[in-house]
Amino acid sequence: MIVGWIILGLIVLTILWVIGTYNSLVALRNRVRNAWKQISVQLKRRHDLIPNLVETVKDYMEYEQETLEKVIQARNAATTARSPKEQAEAEGAVTAALRQLFAVVENYPQLKANENVQKLMEELTTTENKIAFARQLYNDLVMKYNTRIEQFPANIVAGWFSFKPFEFFEIPEEEKEVPQVNLR
């Protein structure tokens, strides 16, 4: 009789452990998904600002149409990316195109002094910072979630219920390079 109660107790504890582990994995997975949505919100803000910036500077930059076209093409490609890897690559192209645009703006004193351009560039800079923070939060949560589904004994429950790892939002290699500054 006592052995039966012990076995029943172990079964109940095992079921409670499975439920608790499953629920914690679901909570982590939902936090990762939410963090991805936060990145999406900031990227949308960035994508919405870019056409305004291009429209504002295009009249001043008659000879720089190629630069403006690159910015718009990169922005359009980024709006169709879906996975973190695709998004990171596309956003790397947007960042490179914006850097090129900002460098060109430096060559136009009247454009650089334009209040609308300054405001848009400031908003883009603020948005870039928000994207960086959202990316950091997302990657931290992905690491926590991926670690949890790989650790024993939670990996058993993760396998039973098909919890899959998430991709990190990694910066493309070209963005990792330190920009060269020449003050001569």
Protein backbone atom coordinates (compact mmCIF):
# COMPACT_ATOMS: atom_id res chain seq x y z
CA MET A 1 0.00 0.00 0.00
CA ILE A 2 2.76 2.50 0.93
CA VAL A 3 4.67 1.60 -2.24
CA GLY A 4 1.54 2.42 -4.26
CA TRP A 5 1.29 5.85 -2.60
CA ILE A 6 4.98 6.50 -3.25
CA ILE A 7 4.59 5.56 -6.91
CA LEU A 8 1.46 7.72 -7.20
CA GLY A 9 3.32 10.61 -5.52
CA LEU A 10 6.23 10.26 -7.95
CA ILE A 11 3.83 10.20 -10.90
CA VAL A 12 2.05 13.33 -9.64
CA LEU A 13 5.40 15.10 -9.05
CA THR A 14 6.58 14.12 -12.53
CA ILE A 15 3.35 15.42 -14.09
CA LEU A 16 3.64 18.67 -12.13
CA TRP A 17 7.28 19.02 -13.19
CA VAL A 18 6.35 18.47 -16.88
CA ILE A 19 3.56 21.05 -16.61
CA GLY A 20 5.83 23.57 -14.90
CA THR A 21 8.64 23.05 -17.41
CA TYR A 22 6.24 23.27 -20.35
CA ASN A 23 4.72 26.49 -19.02
CA SER A 24 8.12 28.08 -18.43
CA LEU A 25 9.19 27.18 -21.99
CA VAL A 26 5.98 28.67 -23.39
CA ALA A 27 6.55 31.85 -21.37
CA LEU A 28 10.13 32.16 -22.63
CA ARG A 29 9.07 31.48 -26.22
CA ASN A 30 6.42 34.19 -25.96
CA ARG A 31 8.94 36.66 -24.54
CA VAL A 32 11.25 35.96 -27.51
CA ARG A 33 8.37 36.49 -29.93
CA ASN A 34 7.42 39.73 -28.18
CA ALA A 35 11.02 40.94 -28.33
CA TRP A 36 11.03 40.24 -32.07
CA LYS A 37 7.85 42.29 -32.44
CA GLN A 38 9.55 45.16 -30.59
CA ILE A 39 12.39 45.05 -33.12
CA SER A 40 9.79 45.06 -35.90
CA VAL A 41 8.14 48.16 -34.44
CA GLN A 42 11.44 50.05 -34.41
CA LEU A 43 12.37 48.84 -37.89
CA LYS A 44 9.00 50.00 -39.21
CA ARG A 45 9.63 53.40 -37.66
CA ARG A 46 13.02 53.47 -39.38
CA HIS A 47 11.51 52.39 -42.70
CA ASP A 48 8.85 55.10 -42.41
CA LEU A 49 11.43 57.82 -41.72
CA ILE A 50 13.66 56.98 -44.68
CA PRO A 51 11.29 58.13 -47.48
CA ASN A 52 10.74 61.40 -45.59
CA LEU A 53 14.48 61.96 -45.38
CA VAL A 54 15.02 61.11 -49.04
CA GLU A 55 12.17 63.40 -50.09
CA THR A 56 13.61 66.23 -48.00
CA VAL A 57 17.15 65.98 -49.37
CA LYS A 58 16.49 65.04 -53.00
CA ASP A 59 16.03 68.61 -54.25
CA TYR A 60 19.39 69.64 -52.79
CA MET A 61 21.23 66.57 -54.05
CA GLU A 62 20.75 66.72 -57.81
CA TYR A 63 23.99 64.87 -58.50
CA GLU A 64 23.55 62.23 -55.81
CA GLN A 65 20.48 60.41 -57.16
CA GLU A 66 22.34 57.08 -57.13
CA THR A 67 22.88 57.39 -53.37
CA LEU A 68 19.21 58.15 -52.81
CA GLU A 69 18.18 55.20 -55.00
CA LYS A 70 20.43 52.87 -52.99
CA VAL A 71 18.79 54.03 -49.76
CA ILE A 72 15.29 53.42 -51.13
CA GLN A 73 16.23 50.04 -52.64
CA ALA A 74 17.78 48.90 -49.36
CA ARG A 75 14.74 50.11 -47.43
CA ASN A 76 12.36 48.28 -49.78
CA ALA A 77 14.35 45.04 -49.49
CA ALA A 78 14.32 45.35 -45.69
CA THR A 79 10.54 45.68 -45.57
CA THR A 80 10.13 42.25 -47.18
CA ALA A 81 12.63 40.35 -45.00
CA ARG A 82 11.04 37.94 -42.54
CA SER A 83 13.51 35.81 -40.56
CA PRO A 84 16.02 37.34 -38.16
CA LYS A 85 18.85 36.35 -40.50
CA GLU A 86 17.17 37.92 -43.56
CA GLN A 87 16.22 40.98 -41.53
CA ALA A 88 19.75 41.43 -40.18
CA GLU A 89 21.25 41.22 -43.67
CA ALA A 90 18.69 43.61 -45.13
CA GLU A 91 19.07 46.07 -42.28
CA GLY A 92 22.84 45.94 -42.75
CA ALA A 93 22.31 47.16 -46.30
CA VAL A 94 20.00 49.93 -45.04
CA THR A 95 22.60 51.01 -42.48
CA ALA A 96 25.34 51.09 -45.13
CA ALA A 97 23.15 53.10 -47.51
CA LEU A 98 22.21 55.56 -44.74
CA ARG A 99 25.87 55.99 -43.78
CA GLN A 100 26.64 56.83 -47.38
CA LEU A 101 23.73 59.30 -47.46
CA PHE A 102 24.84 60.96 -44.22
CA ALA A 103 28.37 61.27 -45.59
CA VAL A 104 27.03 62.95 -48.73
CA VAL A 105 24.85 65.31 -46.66
CA GLU A 106 28.06 66.52 -44.98
CA ASN A 107 29.16 67.87 -48.40
CA TYR A 108 26.10 70.13 -48.67
CA PRO A 109 26.30 72.90 -46.03
CA GLN A 110 22.85 74.30 -46.85
CA LEU A 111 21.37 70.80 -46.55
CA LYS A 112 23.23 70.08 -43.34
CA ALA A 113 21.82 73.32 -41.90
CA ASN A 114 18.25 72.51 -42.99
CA GLU A 115 16.06 72.13 -39.90
CA ASN A 116 13.93 69.32 -41.41
CA VAL A 117 17.01 67.32 -42.39
CA GLN A 118 18.51 67.78 -38.93
CA LYS A 119 15.28 66.68 -37.30
CA LEU A 120 14.94 63.59 -39.52
CA MET A 121 18.58 62.63 -38.99
CA GLU A 122 18.13 63.03 -35.24
CA GLU A 123 15.00 60.85 -35.32
CA LEU A 124 16.85 58.22 -37.34
CA THR A 125 19.72 58.26 -34.86
CA THR A 126 17.28 57.85 -31.96
CA THR A 127 15.56 55.01 -33.80
CA GLU A 128 18.92 53.33 -34.46
CA ASN A 129 19.58 53.39 -30.72
CA LYS A 130 16.15 51.88 -30.01
CA ILE A 131 16.81 49.16 -32.59
CA ALA A 132 20.12 48.36 -30.91
CA PHE A 133 18.45 48.04 -27.50
CA ALA A 134 15.61 45.93 -28.91
CA ARG A 135 18.11 43.69 -30.72
CA GLN A 136 20.08 43.24 -27.51
CA LEU A 137 16.94 42.29 -25.56
CA TYR A 138 15.87 39.89 -28.31
CA ASN A 139 19.27 38.20 -28.44
CA ASP A 140 19.40 37.92 -24.63
CA LEU A 141 16.00 36.24 -24.59
CA VAL A 142 16.92 33.95 -27.50
CA MET A 143 20.03 32.87 -25.61
CA LYS A 144 18.02 32.20 -22.47
CA TYR A 145 15.32 30.28 -24.36
CA ASN A 146 17.76 28.27 -26.51
CA THR A 147 19.81 27.39 -23.44
CA ARG A 148 16.70 26.28 -21.58
CA ILE A 149 15.51 23.95 -24.36
CA GLU A 150 18.97 22.39 -24.57
CA GLN A 151 19.51 21.84 -20.83
CA PHE A 152 18.73 18.53 -19.20
CA PRO A 153 16.06 17.65 -18.12
CA ALA A 154 14.04 20.47 -19.74
CA ASN A 155 15.29 19.29 -23.14
CA ILE A 156 13.10 16.20 -22.71
CA VAL A 157 9.95 18.29 -22.38
CA ALA A 158 11.14 20.60 -25.17
CA GLY A 159 11.57 17.57 -27.44
CA TRP A 160 8.17 16.11 -26.56
CA PHE A 161 6.41 19.36 -27.40
CA SER A 162 8.62 20.35 -30.38
CA PHE A 163 10.14 23.54 -29.00
CA LYS A 164 12.59 24.76 -31.65
CA PRO A 165 15.51 27.17 -31.16
CA PHE A 166 15.25 30.74 -32.40
CA GLU A 167 17.83 32.48 -34.60
CA PHE A 168 19.88 35.32 -33.17
CA PHE A 169 19.62 38.74 -34.80
CA GLU A 170 23.27 39.02 -35.77
CA ILE A 171 25.04 41.99 -37.23
CA PRO A 172 26.47 41.35 -40.70
CA GLU A 173 30.27 41.25 -40.85
CA GLU A 174 30.57 44.51 -42.80
CA GLU A 175 28.77 46.38 -40.01
CA LYS A 176 31.28 45.10 -37.44
CA GLU A 177 34.13 46.94 -39.13
CA VAL A 178 35.15 50.17 -37.45
CA PRO A 179 34.62 53.11 -39.82
CA GLN A 180 37.79 54.92 -40.85
CA VAL A 181 37.90 58.60 -39.99
CA ASN A 182 40.32 60.89 -41.80
CA LEU A 183 40.59 64.34 -40.26
CA ARG A 184 43.14 65.76 -42.74
